Amino acid sequence: MRMTVIGTGYVGTVHAACMADIGHEVLGVDIDADRIASLAAGRAPLHEKGLDALLARGVEAGRLRFSTSLAEAAAFANLHFVCVGTPQRPDSAAADLRYVDAVVEELGPHLRPGSLVVGKSTVPVGTAARIGRRLADLAPGAEVAWNPEFLREGRAVDDTMHPERLVVGVGSERAEALLRAVYRPMREAGVPVYTTDTATAELVKVASNAFLATKISFVNAMAEVCDAAGADVTVLARAMGADSRIGAQFLDPGLGFGGSCFPKDIRAFAARAEELGAGEAVAFLHEVDRINTRQRRRTVDRARALLGGAFEGRRIGVLGAAFKPGSDDVRDSPALAVAAAVQAEGGAVRVHDPQALDNARAVCPDLTYALDIPKACEGADLVLHLTQWPEYRAIDPAALAGVVRTPLILDARNCLDGRAWGAAGWAFRALGRPARSTGGAS
C-alpha cells in the first residue's frame, strides 16, 4: 500500500520506518528541512533501539522517502497518518492542537475524494469529529479515522512491529478495511484489533496513559508513607505486584514519570473532561500530577539533608539526564529537573548520561556534563542516581568509591543493589526505604 506519515518526530519516524519495513511504500513529511535531509540519508534524529537500521533498510530499498511538501503527499497517496505533536498549551493545561489543525488546513485542499486521514497523535476526545467537519468543507469525500499509538520510548520499534493490540476508530467499513490491510502482518500474527468509533479510540489512548500514570504515582505515594513509617516500599511494591489483579508493571517506586506523554496527557485529559462537564470524574488526576511533581522536590530535599542541610560548596555527581533509559529524550525529565534544582541551590553538579548529553546541554546549558561515569563522580560529596540505565546497575561500587570524596549515594530510582554498595563502603540511601534495608548505616 501507499501511505504518507505527516510529522517525523518520535511517533512518526518510528511508524514510517516500520510501515516501510513490512512492505508498504511510505512518504514521510515534515516542515523541518534539516530533519528531512537526515532521514533521507537513513539517519534517525533520535535515539531508539533498532531505528537506524530500519530507516537505512527502507531508504535503500526505495520503499521509504521523505519530503517537506504536503501537496506532494496528497499526490503520492490517499492514506495519510498524522503524527504531529500535541504539547501542552502555554496558557492552560489543555492540549495545543495547532499542529494538527495546520496539517488539516494545508493538506485538505490537495486531497482527492476517497482519501483517508488517520490520526495517531494523542488528542482530546472529539478532535476527530471536529477535523471531519472541517475536511467536509476542504475536501469533500475525504474521511477521518483515529488509530492511537501505544509506544514505549526505548521499545518503540518492537511495540510497532509486535503490538499488544491495535485500536482503530472509524466511521465506515471502507476505513476499517483499509486499516486492517495496513496492519495485515500484525493481524496474521494474532494481534487483536479493537474497532470502534473515533471518540472511543481517542479516549483509549488518554485513559491508558492516565491509568499507568496513576499506578506510578500511587506507589510513590506509598513511598512517602514508608519513609514516615520506617517501612520498605520496594518490598511493598513486589508483594502488591504479585497480586494478579494489580500486576507489577509500572509499580516501580522512585523519581516519577516525565517525558513528552504522561505529564501533558493527564493534564489535557482533565482539562477536556472539565470542558465536557465531567471534571469531577477525573479530579484524582490532579493529585496524580501533584504526587509526581512532589517526587522531584522530595529527592532534592533528601539529598540536601544527606549533606547536612545545604548544597553550597558541595560537589554532586548525577547519573542520568534522560527521562527514562533507552532514550535520549529529556522533555520534562525528572532527572534533569533535580540536577538543575540542586545546582540552583549552589551545588557543583556534574551530569553523565549514556545518550542524552547533547539534548540535556541544549535544555540546561549551565550544568556541567561528563562523558564517563568516573568523571561525573570525581570528588563528589554525593552521587545521585536519577535514570535507571543498565550502565549504572553495572557500576563497580568499590571502583567508584576511589574517585569520590565521600562514598554517599542516593538511589532515586530504587534499582541499585544497596547491599553491594554498602559492602563496598558506601552510605546507601533510597526513596521509601529505611537505611537498614539498603545495606548502609543510619
Protein backbone atom coordinates (compact mmCIF):
# COMPACT_ATOMS: atom_id res chain seq x y z
CA MET A 1 0.00 0.00 0.00
CA ARG A 2 0.98 3.62 -0.48
CA MET A 3 0.76 5.93 2.52
CA THR A 4 2.19 9.10 3.98
CA VAL A 5 3.30 9.82 7.54
CA ILE A 6 2.97 13.51 8.37
CA GLY A 7 5.21 14.60 11.23
CA THR A 8 8.55 12.87 11.63
CA GLY A 9 9.05 13.28 15.35
CA TYR A 10 9.28 10.30 17.65
CA VAL A 11 6.00 8.59 16.68
CA GLY A 12 6.11 9.50 13.00
CA THR A 13 9.68 8.40 12.36
CA VAL A 14 9.13 5.03 14.00
CA HIS A 15 5.79 4.49 12.25
CA ALA A 16 7.17 5.41 8.83
CA ALA A 17 10.22 3.15 9.18
CA CYS A 18 8.17 0.20 10.44
CA MET A 19 5.48 0.53 7.76
CA ALA A 20 8.17 0.54 5.07
CA ASP A 21 9.81 -2.49 6.65
CA ILE A 22 6.63 -4.57 6.39
CA GLY A 23 6.40 -3.75 2.69
CA HIS A 24 4.42 -0.53 2.26
CA GLU A 25 5.55 2.46 0.18
CA VAL A 26 5.89 5.37 2.59
CA LEU A 27 6.46 9.09 2.19
CA GLY A 28 7.41 10.90 5.40
CA VAL A 29 6.61 14.61 5.54
CA ASP A 30 7.86 17.34 7.88
CA ILE A 31 8.37 21.10 7.76
CA ASP A 32 11.89 20.72 9.21
CA ALA A 33 14.14 20.54 6.13
CA ASP A 34 17.24 19.54 8.12
CA ARG A 35 15.37 16.65 9.73
CA ILE A 36 14.07 15.52 6.34
CA ALA A 37 17.62 15.57 4.92
CA SER A 38 18.88 13.46 7.81
CA LEU A 39 16.05 10.96 7.44
CA ALA A 40 16.54 10.75 3.67
CA ALA A 41 20.15 9.75 4.38
CA GLY A 42 18.87 6.97 6.66
CA ARG A 43 19.83 8.69 9.93
CA ALA A 44 17.33 8.86 12.77
CA PRO A 45 17.06 12.24 14.55
CA LEU A 46 16.59 10.46 17.89
CA HIS A 47 17.97 7.52 19.82
CA GLU A 48 15.75 4.47 19.58
CA LYS A 49 16.91 0.86 19.56
CA GLY A 50 16.87 -0.63 16.05
CA LEU A 51 15.55 2.50 14.34
CA ASP A 52 18.68 3.47 12.40
CA ALA A 53 18.90 0.03 10.77
CA LEU A 54 15.21 0.09 9.91
CA LEU A 55 15.46 3.56 8.35
CA ALA A 56 18.51 2.68 6.30
CA ARG A 57 16.88 -0.51 5.04
CA GLY A 58 13.72 1.29 3.96
CA VAL A 59 15.56 4.11 2.21
CA GLU A 60 17.93 1.74 0.44
CA ALA A 61 15.03 -0.45 -0.74
CA GLY A 62 13.23 2.61 -2.13
CA ARG A 63 10.14 1.98 -0.03
CA LEU A 64 10.80 4.96 2.24
CA ARG A 65 11.45 8.53 1.21
CA PHE A 66 10.87 11.98 2.68
CA SER A 67 9.58 15.39 1.67
CA THR A 68 8.60 18.79 3.05
CA SER A 69 5.58 19.11 0.74
CA LEU A 70 2.02 18.24 1.75
CA ALA A 71 0.93 18.77 -1.84
CA GLU A 72 3.36 16.03 -2.83
CA ALA A 73 1.95 13.88 -0.03
CA ALA A 74 -1.61 14.23 -1.36
CA ALA A 75 -0.44 13.34 -4.87
CA PHE A 76 1.53 10.34 -3.60
CA ALA A 77 -1.22 8.53 -1.67
CA ASN A 78 -4.83 8.55 -0.46
CA LEU A 79 -3.91 7.26 3.01
CA HIS A 80 -2.33 9.75 5.42
CA PHE A 81 -1.18 9.16 9.01
CA VAL A 82 -0.98 12.35 11.08
CA CYS A 83 1.73 12.09 13.76
CA VAL A 84 2.41 15.70 14.74
CA GLY A 85 2.91 16.82 18.34
CA THR A 86 0.17 17.93 20.71
CA PRO A 87 2.08 19.68 23.51
CA GLN A 88 0.51 21.40 26.48
CA ARG A 89 -0.76 24.89 25.73
CA PRO A 90 1.37 27.65 27.26
CA ASP A 91 -1.68 29.32 28.81
CA SER A 92 -3.52 26.29 30.24
CA ALA A 93 -3.36 22.56 30.91
CA ALA A 94 -5.18 21.79 27.66
CA ALA A 95 -3.56 20.24 24.59
CA ASP A 96 -2.26 22.58 21.91
CA LEU A 97 -3.76 21.35 18.62
CA ARG A 98 -2.24 23.99 16.36
CA TYR A 99 -0.02 21.46 14.56
CA VAL A 100 -2.87 19.03 13.93
CA ASP A 101 -5.04 21.87 12.64
CA ALA A 102 -2.23 23.21 10.44
CA VAL A 103 -1.89 19.81 8.74
CA VAL A 104 -5.62 19.68 8.06
CA GLU A 105 -5.70 23.21 6.65
CA GLU A 106 -2.70 22.69 4.37
CA LEU A 107 -3.32 19.09 3.33
CA GLY A 108 -7.11 19.34 2.93
CA PRO A 109 -7.28 21.36 -0.30
CA HIS A 110 -4.97 18.86 -2.04
CA LEU A 111 -6.82 15.69 -1.02
CA ARG A 112 -8.56 13.57 -3.60
CA PRO A 113 -12.05 12.14 -3.00
CA GLY A 114 -11.84 8.92 -1.03
CA SER A 115 -8.74 9.95 0.91
CA LEU A 116 -8.45 8.71 4.49
CA VAL A 117 -6.75 10.89 7.10
CA VAL A 118 -5.74 8.77 10.10
CA GLY A 119 -4.75 10.46 13.34
CA LYS A 120 -2.10 8.87 15.53
CA SER A 121 -1.42 11.97 17.62
CA THR A 122 -2.72 11.96 21.20
CA VAL A 123 -5.66 14.37 21.20
CA PRO A 124 -8.63 15.39 23.35
CA VAL A 125 -11.77 13.38 22.69
CA GLY A 126 -13.85 14.98 19.97
CA THR A 127 -10.89 16.12 17.87
CA ALA A 128 -11.51 13.61 15.06
CA ALA A 129 -15.14 14.68 14.78
CA ARG A 130 -14.12 18.34 14.59
CA ILE A 131 -11.48 17.59 11.95
CA GLY A 132 -14.03 15.59 10.00
CA ARG A 133 -16.35 18.58 9.85
CA ARG A 134 -13.54 20.81 8.62
CA LEU A 135 -12.45 18.31 5.96
CA ALA A 136 -16.02 18.12 4.71
CA ASP A 137 -15.53 21.74 3.61
CA LEU A 138 -11.92 21.46 2.43
CA ALA A 139 -12.03 18.02 0.80
CA PRO A 140 -15.50 16.62 0.14
CA GLY A 141 -15.36 12.84 0.08
CA ALA A 142 -12.35 12.60 2.43
CA GLU A 143 -12.73 10.73 5.72
CA VAL A 144 -11.13 10.80 9.16
CA ALA A 145 -10.18 7.83 11.37
CA TRP A 146 -8.17 7.54 14.59
CA ASN A 147 -5.51 4.92 15.26
CA PRO A 148 -3.71 5.78 18.53
CA GLU A 149 -0.16 4.62 19.19
CA PHE A 150 0.93 2.84 22.37
CA LEU A 151 4.69 3.14 22.07
CA ARG A 152 7.22 3.00 24.87
CA GLU A 153 10.37 5.01 24.28
CA GLY A 154 13.28 2.61 24.11
CA ARG A 155 11.00 -0.16 22.78
CA ALA A 156 9.08 1.69 20.10
CA VAL A 157 10.19 -0.39 17.12
CA ASP A 158 9.21 -3.63 18.81
CA ASP A 159 5.95 -2.09 20.05
CA THR A 160 5.08 -1.13 16.47
CA MET A 161 6.05 -4.41 14.88
CA HIS A 162 4.63 -6.58 17.68
CA PRO A 163 1.89 -4.54 19.37
CA GLU A 164 -0.24 -5.89 22.20
CA ARG A 165 -3.35 -4.51 20.49
CA LEU A 166 -4.48 -2.28 17.66
CA VAL A 167 -7.25 0.27 18.11
CA VAL A 168 -8.99 1.74 15.07
CA GLY A 169 -11.67 4.38 15.39
CA VAL A 170 -13.59 4.57 12.11
CA GLY A 171 -16.81 5.81 10.63
CA SER A 172 -17.15 3.41 7.70
CA GLU A 173 -16.48 -0.18 6.68
CA ARG A 174 -14.13 1.09 3.98
CA ALA A 175 -11.93 2.90 6.51
CA GLU A 176 -11.85 -0.20 8.70
CA ALA A 177 -10.86 -2.38 5.75
CA LEU A 178 -8.04 -0.02 4.78
CA LEU A 179 -6.56 0.00 8.29
CA ARG A 180 -6.90 -3.76 8.62
CA ALA A 181 -4.96 -4.05 5.35
CA VAL A 182 -2.23 -1.74 6.66
CA TYR A 183 -1.68 -3.97 9.68
CA ARG A 184 -2.21 -7.33 7.99
CA PRO A 185 1.12 -8.83 9.18
CA MET A 186 0.26 -7.94 12.77
CA ARG A 187 -3.26 -9.34 12.48
CA GLU A 188 -1.96 -12.56 10.95
CA ALA A 189 0.39 -12.86 13.94
CA GLY A 190 -2.65 -12.83 16.23
CA VAL A 191 -2.67 -9.21 17.41
CA PRO A 192 -6.23 -8.29 18.47
CA VAL A 193 -7.92 -5.37 16.70
CA TYR A 194 -10.45 -3.25 18.58
CA THR A 195 -12.69 -1.47 16.11
CA THR A 196 -14.75 1.39 17.48
CA ASP A 197 -15.85 4.98 16.85
CA THR A 198 -13.29 7.78 16.78
CA ALA A 199 -14.25 9.17 20.21
CA THR A 200 -13.64 5.85 21.93
CA ALA A 201 -10.34 5.40 20.10
CA GLU A 202 -9.19 8.83 21.26
CA LEU A 203 -10.19 8.01 24.84
CA VAL A 204 -8.47 4.61 24.86
CA LYS A 205 -5.12 6.34 24.46
CA VAL A 206 -5.55 9.03 27.10
CA ALA A 207 -7.26 6.67 29.53
CA SER A 208 -4.41 4.17 29.21
CA ASN A 209 -1.80 6.84 29.89
CA ALA A 210 -3.82 8.16 32.83
CA PHE A 211 -4.11 4.71 34.38
CA LEU A 212 -0.39 3.98 34.06
CA ALA A 213 0.48 7.40 35.49
CA THR A 214 -1.86 6.68 38.39
CA LYS A 215 -0.07 3.40 39.17
CA ILE A 216 3.27 5.19 39.26
CA SER A 217 2.01 7.98 41.49
CA PHE A 218 0.23 5.51 43.77
CA VAL A 219 3.39 3.57 44.55
CA ASN A 220 5.30 6.84 45.01
CA ALA A 221 2.65 7.99 47.48
CA MET A 222 3.26 4.71 49.31
CA ALA A 223 6.98 5.53 49.31
CA GLU A 224 6.19 8.72 51.22
CA VAL A 225 4.20 6.73 53.75
CA CYS A 226 7.02 4.18 54.02
CA ASP A 227 9.51 6.97 54.74
CA ALA A 228 7.26 8.20 57.53
CA ALA A 229 6.68 4.71 58.93
CA GLY A 230 10.16 3.25 58.50
CA ALA A 231 8.90 0.63 56.04
CA ASP A 232 10.41 -0.59 52.73
CA VAL A 233 8.47 0.44 49.61
CA THR A 234 10.38 -1.95 47.32
CA VAL A 235 9.18 -4.99 49.27
CA LEU A 236 5.71 -3.45 49.48
CA ALA A 237 5.63 -2.99 45.69
CA ARG A 238 6.81 -6.53 44.98
CA ALA A 239 4.21 -8.00 47.29
CA MET A 240 1.46 -5.85 45.77
CA GLY A 241 2.57 -6.68 42.23
CA ALA A 242 2.35 -10.41 42.91
CA ASP A 243 -1.42 -9.98 43.05
CA SER A 244 -2.65 -10.72 39.51
CA ARG A 245 -5.38 -8.13 39.93
CA ILE A 246 -2.74 -5.43 40.42
CA GLY A 247 0.32 -6.56 38.47
CA ALA A 248 3.93 -5.50 38.88
CA GLN A 249 4.35 -3.34 35.78
CA PHE A 250 4.54 0.41 36.44
CA LEU A 251 4.63 -0.27 40.16
CA ASP A 252 8.24 0.90 40.46
CA PRO A 253 8.79 3.44 43.25
CA GLY A 254 11.18 6.26 42.51
CA LEU A 255 11.58 9.68 41.00
CA GLY A 256 8.37 9.54 38.97
CA PHE A 257 7.40 9.88 35.33
CA GLY A 258 8.36 12.51 32.79
CA GLY A 259 8.79 12.67 29.02
CA SER A 260 6.55 14.07 26.33
CA CYS A 261 3.45 11.98 27.08
CA PHE A 262 2.28 11.26 30.62
CA PRO A 263 2.58 14.72 32.21
CA LYS A 264 0.88 16.68 29.43
CA ASP A 265 -1.60 13.91 28.58
CA ILE A 266 -3.10 13.62 32.06
CA ARG A 267 -3.40 17.41 32.28
CA ALA A 268 -5.06 17.63 28.86
CA PHE A 269 -7.41 14.75 29.76
CA ALA A 270 -8.52 16.52 32.92
CA ALA A 271 -8.93 19.81 31.04
CA ARG A 272 -11.06 18.18 28.34
CA ALA A 273 -13.19 16.42 30.95
CA GLU A 274 -13.87 19.81 32.53
CA GLU A 275 -14.98 21.17 29.15
CA LEU A 276 -17.38 18.23 28.80
CA GLY A 277 -18.80 18.74 32.28
CA ALA A 278 -17.18 15.56 33.60
CA GLY A 279 -14.31 17.14 35.52
CA GLU A 280 -15.21 15.54 38.84
CA ALA A 281 -14.87 12.07 37.28
CA VAL A 282 -11.14 12.56 36.73
CA ALA A 283 -10.37 15.03 39.54
CA PHE A 284 -7.97 12.46 41.01
CA LEU A 285 -5.63 13.10 38.06
CA HIS A 286 -4.70 16.46 39.57
CA GLU A 287 -3.38 14.63 42.63
CA VAL A 288 -1.60 12.08 40.42
CA ASP A 289 0.19 15.03 38.80
CA ARG A 290 0.98 16.66 42.16
CA ILE A 291 2.39 13.44 43.63
CA ASN A 292 4.61 13.02 40.59
CA THR A 293 5.93 16.57 40.76
CA ARG A 294 6.45 16.23 44.52
CA GLN A 295 8.85 13.31 43.97
CA ARG A 296 11.33 15.69 42.42
CA ARG A 297 11.15 18.04 45.40
CA ARG A 298 11.40 15.11 47.83
CA THR A 299 14.56 13.93 46.08
CA VAL A 300 16.16 17.36 46.31
CA ASP A 301 15.11 17.66 49.97
CA ARG A 302 16.52 14.21 50.78
CA ALA A 303 19.79 14.99 49.01
CA ARG A 304 20.13 18.29 50.86
CA ALA A 305 19.51 16.58 54.21
CA LEU A 306 22.19 13.98 53.44
CA LEU A 307 24.67 16.83 53.01
CA GLY A 308 23.83 18.43 56.32
CA GLY A 309 21.22 20.89 55.09
CA ALA A 310 22.92 22.75 52.22
CA PHE A 311 24.39 22.14 48.75
CA GLU A 312 26.60 25.23 48.79
CA GLY A 313 30.24 24.30 48.22
CA ARG A 314 29.45 20.60 47.64
CA ARG A 315 30.11 18.52 44.55
CA ILE A 316 27.29 16.31 43.31
CA GLY A 317 27.68 13.61 40.67
CA VAL A 318 24.47 12.94 38.76
CA LEU A 319 23.85 9.65 36.97
CA GLY A 320 21.20 10.22 34.33
CA ALA A 321 19.65 13.05 32.32
CA ALA A 322 17.11 11.28 30.06
CA PHE A 323 13.60 10.88 31.43
CA LYS A 324 13.94 7.09 31.06
CA PRO A 325 16.57 4.57 29.93
CA GLY A 326 16.80 3.62 26.27
CA SER A 327 16.05 7.16 25.14
CA ASP A 328 17.83 10.47 24.60
CA ASP A 329 14.61 12.36 25.40
CA VAL A 330 14.94 14.99 28.15
CA ARG A 331 11.49 16.56 27.77
CA ASP A 332 10.11 17.09 31.28
CA SER A 333 12.89 14.84 32.60
CA PRO A 334 12.73 14.34 36.39
CA ALA A 335 16.47 13.66 36.39
CA LEU A 336 17.35 16.92 34.70
CA ALA A 337 14.88 18.84 36.87
CA VAL A 338 16.55 17.53 40.05
CA ALA A 339 20.05 18.27 38.73
CA ALA A 340 19.05 21.84 37.84
CA ALA A 341 17.37 22.38 41.22
CA VAL A 342 20.45 21.19 43.11
CA GLN A 343 22.70 23.49 41.10
CA ALA A 344 20.30 26.39 41.65
CA GLU A 345 20.89 25.94 45.39
CA GLY A 346 24.64 26.22 44.99
CA GLY A 347 25.72 22.65 44.35
CA ALA A 348 28.51 21.97 41.86
CA VAL A 349 26.71 19.45 39.64
CA ARG A 350 28.27 17.22 37.01
CA VAL A 351 25.92 15.06 34.90
CA HIS A 352 26.51 11.83 32.98
CA ASP A 353 24.10 10.06 30.62
CA PRO A 354 24.85 7.38 28.00
CA GLN A 355 22.73 9.01 25.28
CA ALA A 356 21.11 12.29 26.31
CA LEU A 357 24.01 14.70 26.95
CA ASP A 358 23.54 16.75 23.78
CA ASN A 359 19.82 17.18 24.39
CA ALA A 360 20.41 17.92 28.07
CA ARG A 361 23.03 20.54 27.24
CA ALA A 362 20.57 22.27 24.91
CA VAL A 363 17.94 22.46 27.67
CA CYS A 364 20.23 23.12 30.66
CA PRO A 365 23.41 24.72 29.29
CA ASP A 366 24.53 25.90 32.74
CA LEU A 367 25.06 22.37 34.05
CA THR A 368 28.42 20.63 33.68
CA TYR A 369 28.45 17.36 31.75
CA ALA A 370 30.81 14.40 31.75
CA LEU A 371 31.40 11.77 29.08
CA ASP A 372 32.08 8.97 31.56
CA ILE A 373 30.81 7.92 34.97
CA PRO A 374 34.07 8.36 36.94
CA LYS A 375 34.48 11.90 35.61
CA ALA A 376 30.92 12.79 36.65
CA CYS A 377 31.57 11.50 40.17
CA GLU A 378 35.13 12.75 40.62
CA GLY A 379 35.50 14.41 44.02
CA ALA A 380 31.76 14.15 44.68
CA ASP A 381 30.31 14.59 48.17
CA LEU A 382 27.12 12.87 46.97
CA VAL A 383 26.12 10.76 43.96
CA LEU A 384 22.52 10.93 42.75
CA HIS A 385 21.18 8.02 40.69
CA LEU A 386 18.34 9.56 38.66
CA THR A 387 17.83 7.49 35.47
CA GLN A 388 17.80 3.71 35.62
CA TRP A 389 20.22 2.95 32.76
CA PRO A 390 21.69 -0.60 32.86
CA GLU A 391 25.13 1.01 32.75
CA TYR A 392 24.54 2.33 36.26
CA ARG A 393 23.43 -1.02 37.63
CA ALA A 394 26.69 -2.43 36.25
CA ILE A 395 28.89 0.05 38.17
CA ASP A 396 31.55 -1.48 40.43
CA PRO A 397 30.85 0.37 43.71
CA ALA A 398 34.34 -0.32 45.07
CA ALA A 399 35.99 1.20 41.99
CA LEU A 400 33.74 4.26 42.06
CA ALA A 401 34.48 4.76 45.76
CA GLY A 402 38.04 5.51 44.73
CA VAL A 403 37.10 8.63 42.78
CA VAL A 404 34.55 10.33 45.06
CA ARG A 405 35.31 12.47 48.08
CA THR A 406 32.57 10.88 50.19
CA PRO A 407 31.05 7.47 49.35
CA LEU A 408 27.43 8.59 49.72
CA ILE A 409 24.75 7.76 47.15
CA LEU A 410 21.01 8.42 46.88
CA ASP A 411 19.24 5.92 44.63
CA ALA A 412 16.17 7.86 43.49
CA ARG A 413 15.15 5.01 41.17
CA ASN A 414 15.31 2.16 43.69
CA CYS A 415 17.04 -0.24 41.34
CA LEU A 416 20.64 -0.44 42.56
CA ASP A 417 21.84 -3.25 44.83
CA GLY A 418 22.05 -1.41 48.15
CA ARG A 419 23.78 -4.30 49.94
CA ALA A 420 26.56 -4.46 47.33
CA TRP A 421 27.10 -0.70 47.61
CA GLY A 422 27.05 -0.89 51.40
CA ALA A 423 29.57 -3.74 51.36
CA ALA A 424 31.86 -1.56 49.23
CA GLY A 425 31.84 1.12 51.93
CA TRP A 426 29.11 3.38 50.65
CA ALA A 427 26.40 5.02 52.72
CA PHE A 428 23.49 3.98 50.51
CA ARG A 429 20.13 5.72 50.68
CA ALA A 430 16.94 5.33 48.63
CA LEU A 431 13.46 6.84 48.50
CA GLY A 432 10.91 4.98 50.62
CA ARG A 433 13.43 2.61 52.19
CA PRO A 434 14.98 2.66 55.66
CA ALA A 435 18.77 2.60 55.83
CA ARG A 436 18.76 -0.85 57.41
CA SER A 437 17.25 -2.42 54.27
CA THR A 438 19.66 -0.76 51.84
CA GLY A 439 22.88 -2.02 53.27
CA GLY A 440 24.05 1.28 54.71
CA ALA A 441 24.42 2.59 58.24
CA SER A 442 21.98 5.10 59.71
